[in-house]
Amino acid sequence: MKFLKSVVEEMKKVSWPSKTQLRKDTLVVFETSIIFAIMFWIFDTAIKTGLDAILGLR
């Protein structure tokens, strides 16, 4: 029980973001995820194409 009380006390100390800030931060996370996914796809395709050319698979 003491643990739960201390958790409640600590949660009262947390500063929660506003809805506007939460939306902005969420949008940044989605944009960054999409950008990295595209970058990884481009790099993966380039490496695969290069290896295929070197190894004569195509």
PDB file of N, CA and C in Angstrom:
ATOM      1  N   MET A   1       0.819  -1.189   0.000  1.00  0.00           N
ATOM      2  CA  MET A   1       0.000   0.000   0.000  1.00  0.00           C
ATOM      3  C   MET A   1       0.862   1.252   0.000  1.00  0.00           C
ATOM      4  N   LYS A   2       1.968   1.204   0.742  1.00  0.00           N
ATOM      5  CA  LYS A   2       2.858   2.354   0.807  1.00  0.00           C
ATOM      6  C   LYS A   2       3.401   2.695  -0.586  1.00  0.00           C
ATOM      7  N   PHE A   3       3.687   1.651  -1.362  1.00  0.00           N
ATOM      8  CA  PHE A   3       4.195   1.860  -2.715  1.00  0.00           C
ATOM      9  C   PHE A   3       3.185   2.624  -3.563  1.00  0.00           C
ATOM     10  N   LEU A   4       1.921   2.216  -3.505  1.00  0.00           N
ATOM     11  CA  LEU A   4       0.888   2.876  -4.305  1.00  0.00           C
ATOM     12  C   LEU A   4       0.708   4.329  -3.898  1.00  0.00           C
ATOM     13  N   LYS A   5       0.793   4.612  -2.620  1.00  0.00           N
ATOM     14  CA  LYS A   5       0.676   5.987  -2.151  1.00  0.00           C
ATOM     15  C   LYS A   5       1.829   6.829  -2.670  1.00  0.00           C
ATOM     16  N   SER A   6       3.020   6.259  -2.662  1.00  0.00           N
ATOM     17  CA  SER A   6       4.172   7.009  -3.166  1.00  0.00           C
ATOM     18  C   SER A   6       4.069   7.230  -4.672  1.00  0.00           C
ATOM     19  N   VAL A   7       3.492   6.268  -5.384  1.00  0.00           N
ATOM     20  CA  VAL A   7       3.284   6.441  -6.830  1.00  0.00           C
ATOM     21  C   VAL A   7       2.312   7.584  -7.081  1.00  0.00           C
ATOM     22  N   VAL A   8       1.229   7.639  -6.325  1.00  0.00           N
ATOM     23  CA  VAL A   8       0.242   8.709  -6.482  1.00  0.00           C
ATOM     24  C   VAL A   8       0.894  10.063  -6.198  1.00  0.00           C
ATOM     25  N   GLU A   9       1.698  10.143  -5.166  1.00  0.00           N
ATOM     26  CA  GLU A   9       2.387  11.389  -4.829  1.00  0.00           C
ATOM     27  C   GLU A   9       3.341  11.824  -5.944  1.00  0.00           C
ATOM     28  N   GLU A  10       4.072  10.876  -6.499  1.00  0.00           N
ATOM     29  CA  GLU A  10       4.987  11.207  -7.587  1.00  0.00           C
ATOM     30  C   GLU A  10       4.242  11.648  -8.839  1.00  0.00           C
ATOM     31  N   MET A  11       3.109  11.016  -9.115  1.00  0.00           N
ATOM     32  CA  MET A  11       2.329  11.382 -10.300  1.00  0.00           C
ATOM     33  C   MET A  11       1.778  12.796 -10.190  1.00  0.00           C
ATOM     34  N   LYS A  12       1.555  13.265  -8.970  1.00  0.00           N
ATOM     35  CA  LYS A  12       1.087  14.641  -8.778  1.00  0.00           C
ATOM     36  C   LYS A  12       2.171  15.653  -9.134  1.00  0.00           C
ATOM     37  N   LYS A  13       3.420  15.233  -9.060  1.00  0.00           N
ATOM     38  CA  LYS A  13       4.548  16.116  -9.347  1.00  0.00           C
ATOM     39  C   LYS A  13       4.857  16.226 -10.840  1.00  0.00           C
ATOM     40  N   VAL A  14       4.296  15.315 -11.623  1.00  0.00           N
ATOM     41  CA  VAL A  14       4.580  15.279 -13.054  1.00  0.00           C
ATOM     42  C   VAL A  14       3.924  16.470 -13.744  1.00  0.00           C
ATOM     43  N   SER A  15       4.666  17.115 -14.636  1.00  0.00           N
ATOM     44  CA  SER A  15       4.070  18.196 -15.426  1.00  0.00           C
ATOM     45  C   SER A  15       3.638  17.619 -16.776  1.00  0.00           C
ATOM     46  N   TRP A  16       2.354  17.585 -16.999  1.00  0.00           N
ATOM     47  CA  TRP A  16       1.792  16.992 -18.200  1.00  0.00           C
ATOM     48  C   TRP A  16       1.709  18.043 -19.298  1.00  0.00           C
ATOM     49  N   PRO A  17       1.945  17.651 -20.555  1.00  0.00           N
ATOM     50  CA  PRO A  17       1.875  18.621 -21.650  1.00  0.00           C
ATOM     51  C   PRO A  17       0.427  19.015 -21.934  1.00  0.00           C
ATOM     52  N   SER A  18       0.278  20.202 -22.512  1.00  0.00           N
ATOM     53  CA  SER A  18      -1.055  20.644 -22.914  1.00  0.00           C
ATOM     54  C   SER A  18      -1.480  19.858 -24.158  1.00  0.00           C
ATOM     55  N   LYS A  19      -2.760  19.956 -24.503  1.00  0.00           N
ATOM     56  CA  LYS A  19      -3.243  19.234 -25.683  1.00  0.00           C
ATOM     57  C   LYS A  19      -2.554  19.733 -26.949  1.00  0.00           C
ATOM     58  N   THR A  20      -2.332  21.041 -27.015  1.00  0.00           N
ATOM     59  CA  THR A  20      -1.670  21.616 -28.186  1.00  0.00           C
ATOM     60  C   THR A  20      -0.246  21.084 -28.311  1.00  0.00           C
ATOM     61  N   GLN A  21       0.497  21.079 -27.211  1.00  0.00           N
ATOM     62  CA  GLN A  21       1.870  20.582 -27.236  1.00  0.00           C
ATOM     63  C   GLN A  21       1.903  19.096 -27.558  1.00  0.00           C
ATOM     64  N   LEU A  22       0.949  18.345 -27.032  1.00  0.00           N
ATOM     65  CA  LEU A  22       0.882  16.913 -27.302  1.00  0.00           C
ATOM     66  C   LEU A  22       0.642  16.656 -28.785  1.00  0.00           C
ATOM     67  N   ARG A  23      -0.254  17.421 -29.399  1.00  0.00           N
ATOM     68  CA  ARG A  23      -0.515  17.281 -30.844  1.00  0.00           C
ATOM     69  C   ARG A  23       0.740  17.591 -31.652  1.00  0.00           C
ATOM     70  N   LYS A  24       1.432  18.672 -31.294  1.00  0.00           N
ATOM     71  CA  LYS A  24       2.649  19.062 -32.016  1.00  0.00           C
ATOM     72  C   LYS A  24       3.710  17.977 -31.903  1.00  0.00           C
ATOM     73  N   ASP A  25       3.915  17.477 -30.699  1.00  0.00           N
ATOM     74  CA  ASP A  25       4.928  16.436 -30.474  1.00  0.00           C
ATOM     75  C   ASP A  25       4.572  15.150 -31.222  1.00  0.00           C
ATOM     76  N   THR A  26       3.296  14.798 -31.222  1.00  0.00           N
ATOM     77  CA  THR A  26       2.847  13.596 -31.929  1.00  0.00           C
ATOM     78  C   THR A  26       3.078  13.742 -33.425  1.00  0.00           C
ATOM     79  N   LEU A  27       2.785  14.924 -33.963  1.00  0.00           N
ATOM     80  CA  LEU A  27       3.003  15.175 -35.384  1.00  0.00           C
ATOM     81  C   LEU A  27       4.486  15.063 -35.734  1.00  0.00           C
ATOM     82  N   VAL A  28       5.344  15.574 -34.882  1.00  0.00           N
ATOM     83  CA  VAL A  28       6.790  15.473 -35.111  1.00  0.00           C
ATOM     84  C   VAL A  28       7.223  14.013 -35.137  1.00  0.00           C
ATOM     85  N   VAL A  29       6.694  13.205 -34.239  1.00  0.00           N
ATOM     86  CA  VAL A  29       7.042  11.784 -34.203  1.00  0.00           C
ATOM     87  C   VAL A  29       6.595  11.083 -35.487  1.00  0.00           C
ATOM     88  N   PHE A  30       5.371  11.354 -35.947  1.00  0.00           N
ATOM     89  CA  PHE A  30       4.878  10.735 -37.187  1.00  0.00           C
ATOM     90  C   PHE A  30       5.714  11.177 -38.386  1.00  0.00           C
ATOM     91  N   GLU A  31       5.997  12.469 -38.483  1.00  0.00           N
ATOM     92  CA  GLU A  31       6.791  12.976 -39.605  1.00  0.00           C
ATOM     93  C   GLU A  31       8.180  12.359 -39.615  1.00  0.00           C
ATOM     94  N   THR A  32       8.805  12.300 -38.454  1.00  0.00           N
ATOM     95  CA  THR A  32      10.139  11.721 -38.360  1.00  0.00           C
ATOM     96  C   THR A  32      10.125  10.243 -38.726  1.00  0.00           C
ATOM     97  N   SER A  33       9.116   9.522 -38.282  1.00  0.00           N
ATOM     98  CA  SER A  33       9.003   8.096 -38.600  1.00  0.00           C
ATOM     99  C   SER A  33       8.855   7.882 -40.104  1.00  0.00           C
ATOM    100  N   ILE A  34       8.047   8.708 -40.745  1.00  0.00           N
ATOM    101  CA  ILE A  34       7.848   8.585 -42.192  1.00  0.00           C
ATOM    102  C   ILE A  34       9.134   8.912 -42.937  1.00  0.00           C
ATOM    103  N   ILE A  35       9.814   9.969 -42.527  1.00  0.00           N
ATOM    104  CA  ILE A  35      11.070  10.351 -43.177  1.00  0.00           C
ATOM    105  C   ILE A  35      12.100   9.236 -43.051  1.00  0.00           C
ATOM    106  N   PHE A  36      12.257   8.668 -41.865  1.00  0.00           N
ATOM    107  CA  PHE A  36      13.231   7.589 -41.683  1.00  0.00           C
ATOM    108  C   PHE A  36      12.830   6.340 -42.459  1.00  0.00           C
ATOM    109  N   ALA A  37      11.540   6.038 -42.528  1.00  0.00           N
ATOM    110  CA  ALA A  37      11.094   4.875 -43.300  1.00  0.00           C
ATOM    111  C   ALA A  37      11.446   5.044 -44.771  1.00  0.00           C
ATOM    112  N   ILE A  38      11.238   6.240 -45.304  1.00  0.00           N
ATOM    113  CA  ILE A  38      11.581   6.505 -46.706  1.00  0.00           C
ATOM    114  C   ILE A  38      13.091   6.415 -46.914  1.00  0.00           C
ATOM    115  N   MET A  39      13.854   6.987 -45.990  1.00  0.00           N
ATOM    116  CA  MET A  39      15.315   6.922 -46.109  1.00  0.00           C
ATOM    117  C   MET A  39      15.814   5.480 -46.080  1.00  0.00           C
ATOM    118  N   PHE A  40      15.295   4.672 -45.155  1.00  0.00           N
ATOM    119  CA  PHE A  40      15.716   3.271 -45.074  1.00  0.00           C
ATOM    120  C   PHE A  40      15.334   2.506 -46.341  1.00  0.00           C
ATOM    121  N   TRP A  41      14.163   2.802 -46.907  1.00  0.00           N
ATOM    122  CA  TRP A  41      13.731   2.142 -48.139  1.00  0.00           C
ATOM    123  C   TRP A  41      14.681   2.501 -49.282  1.00  0.00           C
ATOM    124  N   ILE A  42      15.037   3.790 -49.377  1.00  0.00           N
ATOM    125  CA  ILE A  42      15.954   4.230 -50.437  1.00  0.00           C
ATOM    126  C   ILE A  42      17.317   3.556 -50.276  1.00  0.00           C
ATOM    127  N   PHE A  43      17.866   3.572 -49.053  1.00  0.00           N
ATOM    128  CA  PHE A  43      19.170   2.953 -48.817  1.00  0.00           C
ATOM    129  C   PHE A  43      19.121   1.446 -49.089  1.00  0.00           C
ATOM    130  N   ASP A  44      18.067   0.795 -48.657  1.00  0.00           N
ATOM    131  CA  ASP A  44      17.932  -0.646 -48.854  1.00  0.00           C
ATOM    132  C   ASP A  44      17.863  -0.980 -50.343  1.00  0.00           C
ATOM    133  N   THR A  45      17.091  -0.193 -51.077  1.00  0.00           N
ATOM    134  CA  THR A  45      16.967  -0.424 -52.515  1.00  0.00           C
ATOM    135  C   THR A  45      18.296  -0.181 -53.223  1.00  0.00           C
ATOM    136  N   ALA A  46      19.004   0.876 -52.818  1.00  0.00           N
ATOM    137  CA  ALA A  46      20.287   1.181 -53.442  1.00  0.00           C
ATOM    138  C   ALA A  46      21.307   0.082 -53.158  1.00  0.00           C
ATOM    139  N   ILE A  47      21.367  -0.381 -51.932  1.00  0.00           N
ATOM    140  CA  ILE A  47      22.318  -1.436 -51.573  1.00  0.00           C
ATOM    141  C   ILE A  47      21.979  -2.731 -52.307  1.00  0.00           C
ATOM    142  N   LYS A  48      20.701  -3.068 -52.361  1.00  0.00           N
ATOM    143  CA  LYS A  48      20.287  -4.299 -53.061  1.00  0.00           C
ATOM    144  C   LYS A  48      20.622  -4.209 -54.541  1.00  0.00           C
ATOM    145  N   THR A  49      20.345  -3.072 -55.152  1.00  0.00           N
ATOM    146  CA  THR A  49      20.646  -2.898 -56.571  1.00  0.00           C
ATOM    147  C   THR A  49      22.149  -2.986 -56.815  1.00  0.00           C
ATOM    148  N   GLY A  50      22.934  -2.350 -55.937  1.00  0.00           N
ATOM    149  CA  GLY A  50      24.391  -2.411 -56.081  1.00  0.00           C
ATOM    150  C   GLY A  50      24.931  -3.815 -55.936  1.00  0.00           C
ATOM    151  N   LEU A  51      24.451  -4.537 -54.939  1.00  0.00           N
ATOM    152  CA  LEU A  51      24.912  -5.921 -54.744  1.00  0.00           C
ATOM    153  C   LEU A  51      24.476  -6.824 -55.892  1.00  0.00           C
ATOM    154  N   ASP A  52      23.263  -6.626 -56.375  1.00  0.00           N
ATOM    155  CA  ASP A  52      22.802  -7.412 -57.530  1.00  0.00           C
ATOM    156  C   ASP A  52      23.693  -7.170 -58.740  1.00  0.00           C
ATOM    157  N   ALA A  53      24.083  -5.908 -58.948  1.00  0.00           N
ATOM    158  CA  ALA A  53      24.947  -5.581 -60.091  1.00  0.00           C
ATOM    159  C   ALA A  53      26.336  -6.189 -59.914  1.00  0.00           C
ATOM    160  N   ILE A  54      26.875  -6.100 -58.704  1.00  0.00           N
ATOM    161  CA  ILE A  54      28.212  -6.633 -58.447  1.00  0.00           C
ATOM    162  C   ILE A  54      28.230  -8.166 -58.575  1.00  0.00           C
ATOM    163  N   LEU A  55      27.228  -8.794 -58.031  1.00  0.00           N
ATOM    164  CA  LEU A  55      27.184 -10.260 -58.043  1.00  0.00           C
ATOM    165  C   LEU A  55      26.594 -10.826 -59.325  1.00  0.00           C
ATOM    166  N   GLY A  56      26.095  -9.953 -60.199  1.00  0.00           N
ATOM    167  CA  GLY A  56      25.550 -10.415 -61.488  1.00  0.00           C
ATOM    168  C   GLY A  56      24.262 -11.192 -61.349  1.00  0.00           C
ATOM    169  N   LEU A  57      23.434 -10.832 -60.389  1.00  0.00           N
ATOM    170  CA  LEU A  57      22.186 -11.564 -60.194  1.00  0.00           C
ATOM    171  C   LEU A  57      21.098 -11.111 -61.160  1.00  0.00           C
ATOM    172  N   ARG A  58      21.299  -9.970 -61.783  1.00  0.00           N
ATOM    173  CA  ARG A  58      20.284  -9.501 -62.740  1.00  0.00           C
ATOM    174  C   ARG A  58      20.891  -9.219 -64.071  1.00  0.00           C
TER     175      ARG A  58
END
